[in-house]
Amino acid sequence: MKKNIYILLLFSLTVVLESCYGDKGNYDYEDVNEITVDLGGAKYTYVVGNVAKLEPTITFATEEVAESELEYNWTLNGEFISDKRVLEFTVEKIASQVECQLRVTNPKTGLTYIGRTSMDFTQKYNLYGWLVLSKDEQASYLNFMTATGTDAVTYQEHLEVYQEQNREALPKETLGLLEHFRSGGSSSNPSSVWIVNPKATKCVDLEGAAFTKDLVLPDAFLEPSFADNLNVKQIAELKWLTVVVDQDGKAYTRKKLSEKAFHTGKFLSIPLTFENKEVKVDRFLIIPEMRALNMAFVEGEKGHQRILALMDYDKQSAGKVLQFTAKEEDYNKNGFYDAPKLHDLLDYEVVYLGYARPKTTGLTDGTYVMTLILKKGSEYLYQEYSVNKASNSNQVTATPSVNKSISFGNLLEGAVIYTAPYINNRTYLLIGKGNDLYYVDRTTIDRDEPIKLKTFDAEVTALNAETSQGNQLGVGLANGKFFVLSLKTANLGEILGDPDKKEFDRYYQMNGRVFDIRYRFRYSNGWT
């Protein structure tokens, strides 16, 4: 019996093998023509009322397939929206983190391939880009060069957006602007923008989606009438604290009741003090990206100045003024001996106060490099301090690291000076003097002459590079032109924009003279 079963199995196996051999030529085993669907950026931002357009990049593993031979299925958050290759639709309502998916099917193989990205649908000005203030004899102008992402190299011009959105002129006396944030900000809860004016009644905070007026400064004071005659010089915003400085250097503070809202709490009419004396603020150093939990500021009359820290460690300590803690042995070790020090700048005047990201730390580490240029007569000093993130509310440690004499002739006289803040392994100090833009490596600032990067057709009036990763530099000119330059090593100084235009034709034209620039992050910027 068993023998018969073995014979039967052997016969069956022989038949199967012969059948397979006989059919070998009937099958054409080819590689599947795989399709890759690429929707480009990680996220796109589109404005309500505008047409959103997205064209996929479709590639094939072995051979091209005609567009008409494929089937397309676009969905937004799972809902079908189009069966065309290129997606086009009118944005109808505000939304954030919308999942966009394209399914491409080849009917011949029955296989489907998927590409995904994310979209935000927002109001007209809830976008990334460059905020540019300019002015002429009649008025000031808030202009916005917008982009759909932080890595854009071309921008769309929106001129005079304050006038457009508020139906009134922006006074020509306007001093500057400041983007500020709140904890928990998002694309649907964007940053706001202070417009600073000497008259408190003309200092306005603009809500971030449409740039319409949200608050007039006196309304933020416990006694609004006190601010009616306030002569404003500067406004600074931190997580817990808002500071207004008048033209005499007196500082007035508001402690927020919640870090998740812009305008909780009220300003007091009592000036900020340190060691039982009113402080006299010359200028602030606001460092939002680094999460330092403090803000450095220059205090005192010129020739009798020092650098102090204004704490923002937590709600309780916000507004406390401290001296930076620096060891005498560190001063001596790094050649400071008889040089100006943070607590006493001797008879030197602060020409520039800036900051940079250290090479060895991450964006959110909290440590930053404070950069100082000091002047006495015709003598200039360059200093650096490594400032640690506050670990408690009672101390901010600063380690002196660089004290060098610099000899640039009269290049720094009346110049626009700027430390490029975020750039890994690129330690640039930028100088705008007349029509020329220079840069010098901070590590060799005592030995090397500044290198000319560009010569423009008008005076350089404003510089800013506080962009994502610090790879772009905004340059404003006296004739109203605004340029965006690359700060990447590979194409340092290249003017970005439309590649079909000649390099110096890649500018954006404002009214009057550009006098302040800020890159708009929209939300977070390391604020929390």
Protein backbone atom coordinates (compact mmCIF):
# COMPACT_ATOMS: atom_id res chain seq x y z
CA MET A 1 0.00 0.00 0.00
CA LYS A 2 2.73 2.43 0.99
CA LYS A 3 4.66 1.54 -2.16
CA ASN A 4 1.67 2.47 -4.34
CA ILE A 5 1.37 5.85 -2.59
CA TYR A 6 5.05 6.62 -3.20
CA ILE A 7 4.69 5.76 -6.88
CA LEU A 8 1.62 7.99 -7.17
CA LEU A 9 3.40 10.96 -5.53
CA LEU A 10 6.45 10.53 -7.74
CA PHE A 11 4.25 10.49 -10.83
CA SER A 12 2.41 13.62 -9.74
CA LEU A 13 5.66 15.53 -9.08
CA THR A 14 6.98 14.57 -12.51
CA VAL A 15 3.82 15.88 -14.21
CA VAL A 16 4.04 19.19 -12.30
CA LEU A 17 7.71 19.72 -13.17
CA GLU A 18 7.07 18.97 -16.84
CA SER A 19 4.13 21.39 -16.86
CA CYS A 20 6.25 24.14 -15.35
CA TYR A 21 9.04 23.50 -17.83
CA GLY A 22 6.62 23.49 -20.67
CA ASP A 23 5.11 26.85 -19.59
CA LYS A 24 8.47 28.59 -19.01
CA GLY A 25 8.29 30.50 -22.27
CA ASN A 26 4.70 31.64 -21.71
CA TYR A 27 5.52 34.19 -18.94
CA ASP A 28 7.41 37.51 -19.40
CA TYR A 29 8.96 38.32 -16.03
CA GLU A 30 9.73 42.08 -16.13
CA ASP A 31 10.57 44.59 -13.38
CA VAL A 32 7.55 46.55 -12.18
CA ASN A 33 7.68 50.16 -13.41
CA GLU A 34 7.58 51.73 -9.95
CA ILE A 35 6.24 55.29 -9.68
CA THR A 36 7.50 57.92 -7.22
CA VAL A 37 5.10 60.73 -6.31
CA ASP A 38 6.81 63.82 -4.84
CA LEU A 39 4.69 66.75 -3.61
CA GLY A 40 7.69 68.90 -2.77
CA GLY A 41 7.80 70.86 0.50
CA ALA A 42 6.92 69.52 3.93
CA LYS A 43 4.16 72.14 4.23
CA TYR A 44 2.46 74.71 2.01
CA THR A 45 0.59 77.83 3.08
CA TYR A 46 -2.23 79.29 1.00
CA VAL A 47 -4.39 82.35 1.56
CA VAL A 48 -8.18 82.15 1.86
CA GLY A 49 -9.80 83.42 -1.34
CA ASN A 50 -6.77 82.63 -3.48
CA VAL A 51 -6.25 79.69 -5.84
CA ALA A 52 -4.00 76.98 -4.43
CA LYS A 53 -1.95 75.18 -7.05
CA LEU A 54 0.27 72.16 -6.54
CA GLU A 55 2.01 70.28 -9.33
CA PRO A 56 3.50 66.90 -8.40
CA THR A 57 6.81 65.55 -9.61
CA ILE A 58 6.17 62.03 -10.91
CA THR A 59 9.10 59.79 -11.83
CA PHE A 60 9.20 56.25 -13.19
CA ALA A 61 11.63 53.43 -12.44
CA THR A 62 12.03 52.09 -15.98
CA GLU A 63 10.09 54.08 -18.61
CA GLU A 64 7.86 57.12 -18.88
CA VAL A 65 4.09 56.61 -18.84
CA ALA A 66 1.86 59.13 -20.59
CA GLU A 67 -0.09 61.43 -18.27
CA SER A 68 -3.36 60.32 -19.88
CA GLU A 69 -2.64 56.67 -19.04
CA LEU A 70 -2.56 57.30 -15.28
CA GLU A 71 -5.38 57.98 -12.85
CA TYR A 72 -5.14 60.74 -10.20
CA ASN A 73 -7.00 61.09 -6.94
CA TRP A 74 -6.37 64.16 -4.75
CA THR A 75 -7.80 64.33 -1.23
CA LEU A 76 -7.69 66.89 1.57
CA ASN A 77 -8.11 65.30 5.00
CA GLY A 78 -9.51 62.25 3.21
CA GLU A 79 -12.11 64.11 1.13
CA PHE A 80 -11.86 63.87 -2.67
CA ILE A 81 -11.12 67.19 -4.36
CA SER A 82 -9.70 66.54 -7.86
CA ASP A 83 -8.87 63.90 -10.46
CA LYS A 84 -6.48 66.10 -12.45
CA ARG A 85 -2.70 65.74 -12.48
CA VAL A 86 -2.17 69.32 -11.24
CA LEU A 87 -4.20 70.27 -8.20
CA GLU A 88 -5.97 73.63 -8.40
CA PHE A 89 -8.72 74.85 -6.08
CA THR A 90 -9.95 78.02 -4.40
CA VAL A 91 -9.24 78.12 -0.66
CA GLU A 92 -12.55 78.76 1.08
CA LYS A 93 -11.86 78.63 4.82
CA ILE A 94 -9.07 78.87 7.39
CA ALA A 95 -7.56 75.54 8.45
CA SER A 96 -4.22 74.21 9.64
CA GLN A 97 -2.33 70.93 9.29
CA VAL A 98 -4.54 69.80 6.41
CA GLU A 99 -3.26 66.48 5.02
CA CYS A 100 -2.99 66.59 1.25
CA GLN A 101 -2.66 63.25 -0.50
CA LEU A 102 -2.27 62.30 -4.14
CA ARG A 103 -2.90 58.70 -5.23
CA VAL A 104 -1.52 57.87 -8.68
CA THR A 105 -2.78 54.59 -10.18
CA ASN A 106 -1.48 52.77 -13.23
CA PRO A 107 -4.56 50.86 -14.58
CA LYS A 108 -2.35 48.43 -16.52
CA THR A 109 -0.70 47.11 -13.37
CA GLY A 110 -3.42 48.01 -10.90
CA LEU A 111 -0.77 49.47 -8.60
CA THR A 112 -1.28 52.76 -6.73
CA TYR A 113 1.44 55.10 -5.47
CA ILE A 114 0.95 57.85 -2.90
CA GLY A 115 2.49 61.28 -2.22
CA ARG A 116 1.69 63.34 0.86
CA THR A 117 2.23 66.83 2.19
CA SER A 118 0.60 69.26 4.62
CA MET A 119 -1.20 72.55 4.03
CA ASP A 120 -2.27 75.59 6.04
CA PHE A 121 -5.10 77.80 4.84
CA THR A 122 -4.81 81.21 6.38
CA GLN A 123 -5.65 84.87 6.17
CA LYS A 124 -3.86 87.15 3.77
CA TYR A 125 -0.88 88.08 5.92
CA ASN A 126 -0.53 85.06 8.19
CA LEU A 127 2.61 84.06 6.32
CA TYR A 128 6.38 83.83 6.61
CA GLY A 129 8.50 86.56 5.12
CA TRP A 130 10.25 89.89 5.52
CA LEU A 131 8.63 92.81 7.32
CA VAL A 132 10.16 96.02 5.96
CA LEU A 133 9.54 99.53 7.29
CA SER A 134 10.22 102.47 5.01
CA LYS A 135 9.39 106.16 5.12
CA ASP A 136 9.26 109.30 3.01
CA GLU A 137 8.31 112.89 3.81
CA GLN A 138 4.61 112.03 4.10
CA ALA A 139 4.37 108.77 6.03
CA SER A 140 5.93 105.47 7.06
CA TYR A 141 5.02 102.22 5.34
CA LEU A 142 4.81 98.64 6.57
CA ASN A 143 5.65 96.32 3.68
CA PHE A 144 5.57 92.53 3.69
CA MET A 145 7.52 90.24 1.39
CA THR A 146 5.70 86.92 1.83
CA ALA A 147 6.63 83.32 1.17
CA THR A 148 4.91 79.95 1.53
CA GLY A 149 7.78 78.47 3.55
CA THR A 150 10.94 79.32 5.49
CA ASP A 151 13.28 78.13 2.73
CA ALA A 152 11.90 80.39 -0.01
CA VAL A 153 14.30 82.42 -2.16
CA THR A 154 11.67 84.53 -3.93
CA TYR A 155 8.99 86.60 -2.22
CA GLN A 156 5.72 88.24 -3.14
CA GLU A 157 5.50 91.99 -2.56
CA HIS A 158 2.73 93.45 -0.41
CA LEU A 159 3.29 97.17 -0.09
CA GLU A 160 1.72 99.54 2.44
CA VAL A 161 -0.13 96.77 4.26
CA TYR A 162 -0.80 98.89 7.36
CA GLN A 163 -2.57 101.53 5.27
CA GLU A 164 -4.46 98.86 3.37
CA GLN A 165 -5.69 96.96 6.43
CA ASN A 166 -6.34 99.89 8.80
CA ARG A 167 -7.50 102.59 6.37
CA GLU A 168 -5.11 105.15 7.84
CA ALA A 169 -1.55 106.32 7.32
CA LEU A 170 1.34 105.07 9.42
CA PRO A 171 3.01 108.18 10.92
CA LYS A 172 6.36 109.16 9.43
CA GLU A 173 7.79 109.39 12.98
CA THR A 174 7.57 105.58 13.34
CA LEU A 175 10.75 104.17 14.94
CA GLY A 176 10.67 100.42 14.30
CA LEU A 177 8.84 97.13 14.61
CA LEU A 178 9.00 93.99 16.75
CA GLU A 179 7.46 90.57 16.16
CA HIS A 180 6.49 88.89 19.42
CA PHE A 181 5.06 85.53 20.39
CA ARG A 182 3.05 83.62 22.95
CA SER A 183 3.35 80.13 24.33
CA GLY A 184 1.35 77.63 22.35
CA GLY A 185 1.41 79.73 19.22
CA SER A 186 0.62 77.99 15.95
CA SER A 187 -0.28 78.75 12.37
CA SER A 188 -3.81 79.49 13.57
CA ASN A 189 -2.49 81.54 16.53
CA PRO A 190 0.29 83.56 14.92
CA SER A 191 2.66 86.19 16.28
CA SER A 192 1.73 89.84 16.66
CA VAL A 193 3.74 92.87 15.54
CA TRP A 194 4.43 96.03 17.53
CA ILE A 195 4.80 99.24 15.56
CA VAL A 196 6.84 101.61 17.73
CA ASN A 197 6.25 105.36 17.62
CA PRO A 198 7.50 108.13 19.94
CA LYS A 199 3.89 108.93 20.82
CA ALA A 200 2.43 106.16 22.98
CA THR A 201 -0.98 106.81 21.42
CA LYS A 202 0.55 105.89 18.05
CA CYS A 203 2.27 102.71 19.31
CA VAL A 204 0.07 99.90 18.07
CA ASP A 205 0.15 96.13 18.26
CA LEU A 206 -1.07 94.44 15.09
CA GLU A 207 -2.76 91.07 15.23
CA GLY A 208 -0.82 88.63 13.13
CA ALA A 209 -3.29 87.23 10.61
CA ALA A 210 -4.45 90.46 8.98
CA PHE A 211 -2.23 93.21 10.48
CA THR A 212 -5.17 95.11 11.86
CA LYS A 213 -4.83 97.11 15.08
CA ASP A 214 -5.31 94.99 18.18
CA LEU A 215 -4.09 97.35 20.91
CA VAL A 216 -2.94 100.95 21.39
CA LEU A 217 -0.17 101.20 24.01
CA PRO A 218 -1.96 103.43 26.58
CA ASP A 219 -4.72 100.80 26.87
CA ALA A 220 -2.10 98.38 28.26
CA PHE A 221 -1.32 100.69 31.21
CA LEU A 222 -3.05 100.46 34.55
CA GLU A 223 -3.40 104.22 34.29
CA PRO A 224 -3.92 104.88 30.55
CA SER A 225 -3.68 108.64 31.01
CA PHE A 226 -0.08 108.24 32.25
CA ALA A 227 0.97 106.87 28.86
CA ASP A 228 -0.73 109.64 26.89
CA ASN A 229 2.35 111.82 27.33
CA LEU A 230 4.92 109.01 27.27
CA ASN A 231 7.72 109.60 24.76
CA VAL A 232 8.56 106.06 23.62
CA LYS A 233 12.00 104.92 22.46
CA GLN A 234 11.76 101.12 22.38
CA ILE A 235 9.49 98.17 23.17
CA ALA A 236 10.76 94.71 24.15
CA GLU A 237 8.75 91.52 24.58
CA LEU A 238 9.71 88.35 26.42
CA LYS A 239 7.70 85.32 27.46
CA TRP A 240 6.41 86.85 30.69
CA LEU A 241 7.49 90.45 30.42
CA THR A 242 6.85 93.47 28.21
CA VAL A 243 9.07 96.54 28.57
CA VAL A 244 8.54 100.07 27.28
CA VAL A 245 11.49 102.47 27.38
CA ASP A 246 11.01 106.22 27.07
CA GLN A 247 13.40 108.69 25.47
CA ASP A 248 14.99 109.38 28.88
CA GLY A 249 15.82 105.69 29.33
CA LYS A 250 13.17 104.99 31.98
CA ALA A 251 11.74 101.49 31.64
CA TYR A 252 8.15 100.51 32.44
CA THR A 253 7.18 96.85 32.69
CA ARG A 254 4.11 94.68 32.34
CA LYS A 255 4.06 91.18 33.78
CA LYS A 256 1.63 88.96 31.90
CA LEU A 257 -0.94 86.94 33.81
CA SER A 258 -0.58 84.16 31.25
CA GLU A 259 2.20 83.41 28.79
CA LYS A 260 -0.43 82.02 26.42
CA ALA A 261 -1.98 85.42 25.71
CA PHE A 262 -0.51 88.65 24.35
CA HIS A 263 -2.17 91.29 26.48
CA THR A 264 -2.89 90.08 29.98
CA GLY A 265 -1.63 92.18 32.87
CA LYS A 266 -1.03 95.94 32.88
CA PHE A 267 1.96 98.27 32.79
CA LEU A 268 2.76 100.08 35.99
CA SER A 269 3.68 103.76 35.93
CA ILE A 270 6.62 103.06 38.29
CA PRO A 271 9.98 102.86 36.46
CA LEU A 272 12.20 99.79 36.66
CA THR A 273 14.89 99.95 39.36
CA PHE A 274 18.14 98.24 40.29
CA GLU A 275 19.84 98.62 43.66
CA ASN A 276 17.12 101.12 44.63
CA LYS A 277 17.84 103.40 41.67
CA GLU A 278 15.96 103.88 38.44
CA VAL A 279 17.74 102.19 35.56
CA LYS A 280 18.56 104.19 32.45
CA VAL A 281 18.21 101.85 29.46
CA ASP A 282 20.25 102.66 26.38
CA ARG A 283 19.33 99.57 24.32
CA PHE A 284 18.08 95.97 24.63
CA LEU A 285 19.41 92.69 23.33
CA ILE A 286 16.37 90.49 22.70
CA ILE A 287 17.24 86.84 22.10
CA PRO A 288 14.03 84.91 21.44
CA GLU A 289 15.47 81.94 19.56
CA MET A 290 17.95 80.92 22.24
CA ARG A 291 15.51 80.48 25.16
CA ALA A 292 17.96 82.27 27.42
CA LEU A 293 15.26 83.28 29.97
CA ASN A 294 16.88 86.70 30.33
CA MET A 295 17.47 89.83 28.28
CA ALA A 296 20.71 91.83 28.31
CA PHE A 297 20.55 95.61 28.18
CA VAL A 298 22.93 98.54 28.22
CA GLU A 299 22.40 100.69 31.30
CA GLY A 300 23.70 104.15 32.11
CA GLU A 301 24.87 107.34 30.42
CA LYS A 302 27.42 107.10 27.65
CA GLY A 303 30.86 106.88 29.21
CA HIS A 304 29.40 105.38 32.40
CA GLN A 305 27.71 102.25 31.12
CA ARG A 306 27.34 98.61 32.13
CA ILE A 307 25.52 95.54 30.84
CA LEU A 308 22.75 94.15 33.06
CA ALA A 309 20.32 91.24 32.76
CA LEU A 310 16.54 91.53 32.94
CA MET A 311 15.14 88.22 34.13
CA ASP A 312 12.32 86.30 32.46
CA TYR A 313 13.01 82.95 34.15
CA ASP A 314 9.44 82.45 35.37
CA LYS A 315 6.36 84.47 36.18
CA GLN A 316 7.51 85.24 39.70
CA SER A 317 10.99 86.48 38.81
CA ALA A 318 10.07 88.28 35.58
CA GLY A 319 11.25 91.88 35.80
CA LYS A 320 14.10 91.30 38.26
CA VAL A 321 17.33 93.09 37.30
CA LEU A 322 20.66 91.32 37.94
CA GLN A 323 24.33 91.84 37.26
CA PHE A 324 25.88 89.13 35.12
CA THR A 325 28.04 86.78 37.17
CA ALA A 326 31.53 86.70 35.66
CA LYS A 327 34.68 85.40 37.35
CA GLU A 328 37.72 87.66 37.63
CA GLU A 329 39.97 84.72 36.76
CA ASP A 330 38.11 84.29 33.46
CA TYR A 331 38.59 87.97 32.67
CA ASN A 332 42.33 87.69 33.36
CA LYS A 333 42.72 84.39 31.53
CA ASN A 334 41.27 85.92 28.36
CA GLY A 335 43.26 89.15 28.44
CA PHE A 336 40.69 91.53 29.94
CA TYR A 337 42.94 92.78 32.80
CA ASP A 338 42.35 96.56 32.66
CA ALA A 339 39.76 96.33 29.89
CA PRO A 340 36.06 97.26 30.19
CA LYS A 341 33.99 94.56 31.89
CA LEU A 342 30.26 93.89 31.95
CA HIS A 343 29.72 95.49 35.33
CA ASP A 344 31.83 98.53 34.41
CA LEU A 345 32.55 99.56 30.83
CA LEU A 346 34.79 102.37 32.11
CA ASP A 347 34.72 105.40 29.83
CA TYR A 348 33.86 103.39 26.72
CA GLU A 349 30.65 103.87 24.77
CA VAL A 350 28.63 100.91 23.49
CA VAL A 351 28.54 101.18 19.71
CA TYR A 352 26.94 97.80 19.09
CA LEU A 353 25.35 95.03 21.17
CA GLY A 354 24.47 91.79 19.38
CA TYR A 355 24.45 88.03 19.72
CA ALA A 356 25.32 84.85 17.89
CA ARG A 357 24.64 81.16 18.21
CA PRO A 358 27.60 79.16 19.58
CA LYS A 359 29.10 76.56 17.26
CA THR A 360 28.80 73.80 19.82
CA THR A 361 25.19 74.10 20.99
CA GLY A 362 21.75 73.58 19.56
CA LEU A 363 19.23 76.30 18.81
CA THR A 364 17.32 75.73 22.01
CA ASP A 365 20.25 75.14 24.34
CA GLY A 366 19.87 78.61 25.87
CA THR A 367 23.54 79.57 25.71
CA TYR A 368 24.41 82.49 23.45
CA VAL A 369 27.43 84.58 22.52
CA MET A 370 27.03 88.26 23.42
CA THR A 371 28.98 90.49 21.03
CA LEU A 372 30.04 94.02 21.96
CA ILE A 373 31.77 96.80 20.06
CA LEU A 374 33.02 99.56 22.35
CA LYS A 375 34.50 102.93 21.48
CA LYS A 376 36.69 105.47 23.25
CA GLY A 377 37.86 108.34 21.09
CA SER A 378 39.16 106.71 17.91
CA GLU A 379 39.84 103.38 19.66
CA TYR A 380 37.52 100.40 19.12
CA LEU A 381 37.32 97.18 21.14
CA TYR A 382 35.56 93.97 20.19
CA GLN A 383 34.39 91.69 23.02
CA GLU A 384 32.54 88.39 23.33
CA TYR A 385 30.92 86.73 26.34
CA SER A 386 29.38 83.26 26.52
CA VAL A 387 26.12 83.72 28.41
CA ASN A 388 24.51 80.65 29.93
CA LYS A 389 20.81 80.01 30.04
CA ALA A 390 19.46 81.04 33.44
CA SER A 391 19.22 77.96 35.68
CA ASN A 392 17.42 79.85 38.43
CA SER A 393 15.96 83.28 39.01
CA ASN A 394 18.93 84.67 40.93
CA GLN A 395 21.91 84.31 38.61
CA VAL A 396 22.96 84.62 34.97
CA THR A 397 26.53 83.49 34.28
CA ALA A 398 28.67 85.12 31.60
CA THR A 399 32.14 83.89 30.66
CA PRO A 400 34.41 86.53 29.03
CA SER A 401 36.16 85.02 26.02
CA VAL A 402 37.32 87.68 23.55
CA ASN A 403 38.80 91.16 24.07
CA LYS A 404 40.45 92.46 20.92
CA SER A 405 41.39 95.84 19.54
CA ILE A 406 40.07 96.44 16.03
CA SER A 407 41.46 98.89 13.47
CA PHE A 408 39.10 99.46 10.56
CA GLY A 409 39.90 103.15 10.10
CA ASN A 410 36.65 105.11 9.98
CA LEU A 411 34.64 102.17 8.63
CA LEU A 412 32.54 101.81 11.80
CA GLU A 413 31.71 105.52 12.05
CA GLY A 414 28.00 105.85 11.29
CA ALA A 415 27.88 102.27 9.97
CA VAL A 416 25.08 99.72 10.21
CA ILE A 417 26.61 96.84 12.21
CA TYR A 418 25.12 93.38 12.57
CA THR A 419 26.23 90.01 13.98
CA ALA A 420 24.84 87.17 11.90
CA PRO A 421 23.13 85.24 14.69
CA TYR A 422 22.50 81.58 13.84
CA ILE A 423 25.06 80.38 11.37
CA ASN A 424 26.92 77.17 12.21
CA ASN A 425 30.67 77.48 11.72
CA ARG A 426 30.32 80.88 10.02
CA THR A 427 31.16 83.67 12.43
CA TYR A 428 30.34 86.79 10.45
CA LEU A 429 30.17 90.40 11.51
CA LEU A 430 28.44 92.44 8.79
CA ILE A 431 29.04 96.15 8.22
CA GLY A 432 27.05 98.45 5.98
CA LYS A 433 28.88 101.71 5.24
CA GLY A 434 27.68 104.02 2.52
CA ASN A 435 26.76 101.93 -0.51
CA ASP A 436 29.04 99.06 0.49
CA LEU A 437 28.40 95.88 2.45
CA TYR A 438 31.36 94.23 4.19
CA TYR A 439 31.90 91.12 6.26
CA VAL A 440 34.66 89.99 8.58
CA ASP A 441 35.21 86.76 10.50
CA ARG A 442 34.77 87.50 14.21
CA THR A 443 37.47 84.96 15.12
CA THR A 444 40.13 86.96 13.26
CA ILE A 445 38.63 90.43 13.68
CA ASP A 446 41.87 91.84 15.17
CA ARG A 447 43.98 90.64 12.21
CA ASP A 448 41.84 90.71 9.08
CA GLU A 449 40.41 93.63 7.17
CA PRO A 450 36.69 93.50 6.34
CA ILE A 451 35.98 92.06 2.89
CA LYS A 452 33.65 93.92 0.55
CA LEU A 453 30.69 91.68 -0.26
CA LYS A 454 28.52 93.97 -2.40
CA THR A 455 28.30 97.56 -3.64
CA PHE A 456 24.73 98.81 -4.08
CA ASP A 457 23.32 101.87 -5.83
CA ALA A 458 22.34 103.59 -2.55
CA GLU A 459 23.32 103.75 1.11
CA VAL A 460 22.84 100.61 3.23
CA THR A 461 20.34 101.57 5.97
CA ALA A 462 19.22 98.27 7.58
CA LEU A 463 20.47 94.69 8.00
CA ASN A 464 18.84 91.60 9.49
CA ALA A 465 19.59 87.88 9.29
CA GLU A 466 17.37 86.47 12.03
CA THR A 467 15.88 83.98 9.60
CA SER A 468 15.43 80.23 9.76
CA GLN A 469 18.98 78.86 10.23
CA GLY A 470 20.37 82.33 9.42
CA ASN A 471 20.96 81.49 5.78
CA GLN A 472 19.56 84.76 4.42
CA LEU A 473 20.40 88.42 4.97
CA GLY A 474 17.90 91.20 4.40
CA VAL A 475 19.46 94.46 3.18
CA GLY A 476 17.54 97.73 3.05
CA LEU A 477 18.70 100.81 1.15
CA ALA A 478 18.11 104.55 1.33
CA ASN A 479 16.38 104.48 -2.08
CA GLY A 480 13.74 102.02 -0.86
CA LYS A 481 15.22 98.92 -2.44
CA PHE A 482 15.21 95.72 -0.41
CA PHE A 483 17.48 92.78 -1.26
CA VAL A 484 17.74 89.24 0.11
CA LEU A 485 21.27 87.81 0.06
CA SER A 486 22.54 84.31 0.71
CA LEU A 487 24.74 83.76 3.76
CA LYS A 488 25.50 80.16 2.84
CA THR A 489 29.18 79.44 2.31
CA ALA A 490 28.61 78.02 -1.18
CA ASN A 491 27.06 81.22 -2.56
CA LEU A 492 27.90 83.84 0.08
CA GLY A 493 26.59 87.26 -0.90
CA GLU A 494 24.57 86.11 -3.90
CA ILE A 495 21.38 88.15 -4.33
CA LEU A 496 18.47 85.72 -4.21
CA GLY A 497 15.31 85.99 -6.27
CA ASP A 498 14.12 85.42 -9.80
CA PRO A 499 16.97 83.55 -11.58
CA ASP A 500 15.82 85.01 -14.92
CA LYS A 501 16.71 88.51 -13.72
CA LYS A 502 20.18 90.00 -13.51
CA GLU A 503 21.48 89.84 -9.93
CA PHE A 504 21.07 93.52 -9.05
CA ASP A 505 17.60 93.55 -10.60
CA ARG A 506 16.39 91.03 -7.97
CA TYR A 507 15.11 93.66 -5.53
CA TYR A 508 11.80 94.66 -4.01
CA GLN A 509 10.91 98.36 -4.18
CA MET A 510 9.47 100.21 -1.17
CA ASN A 511 8.37 103.83 -0.87
CA GLY A 512 11.00 106.17 0.54
CA ARG A 513 13.91 104.97 2.67
CA VAL A 514 14.10 101.54 4.36
CA PHE A 515 14.86 101.94 8.08
CA ASP A 516 13.93 98.66 9.80
CA ILE A 517 13.75 94.99 8.80
CA ARG A 518 12.55 91.86 10.59
CA TYR A 519 12.05 88.34 9.31
CA ARG A 520 8.65 87.08 10.41
CA PHE A 521 8.55 83.58 11.90
CA ARG A 522 4.76 83.61 12.58
CA TYR A 523 4.96 81.53 15.75
CA SER A 524 7.29 80.02 18.35
CA ASN A 525 10.82 81.10 17.32
CA GLY A 526 12.03 79.27 20.41
CA TRP A 527 9.80 81.42 22.63
CA THR A 528 8.63 78.56 24.84
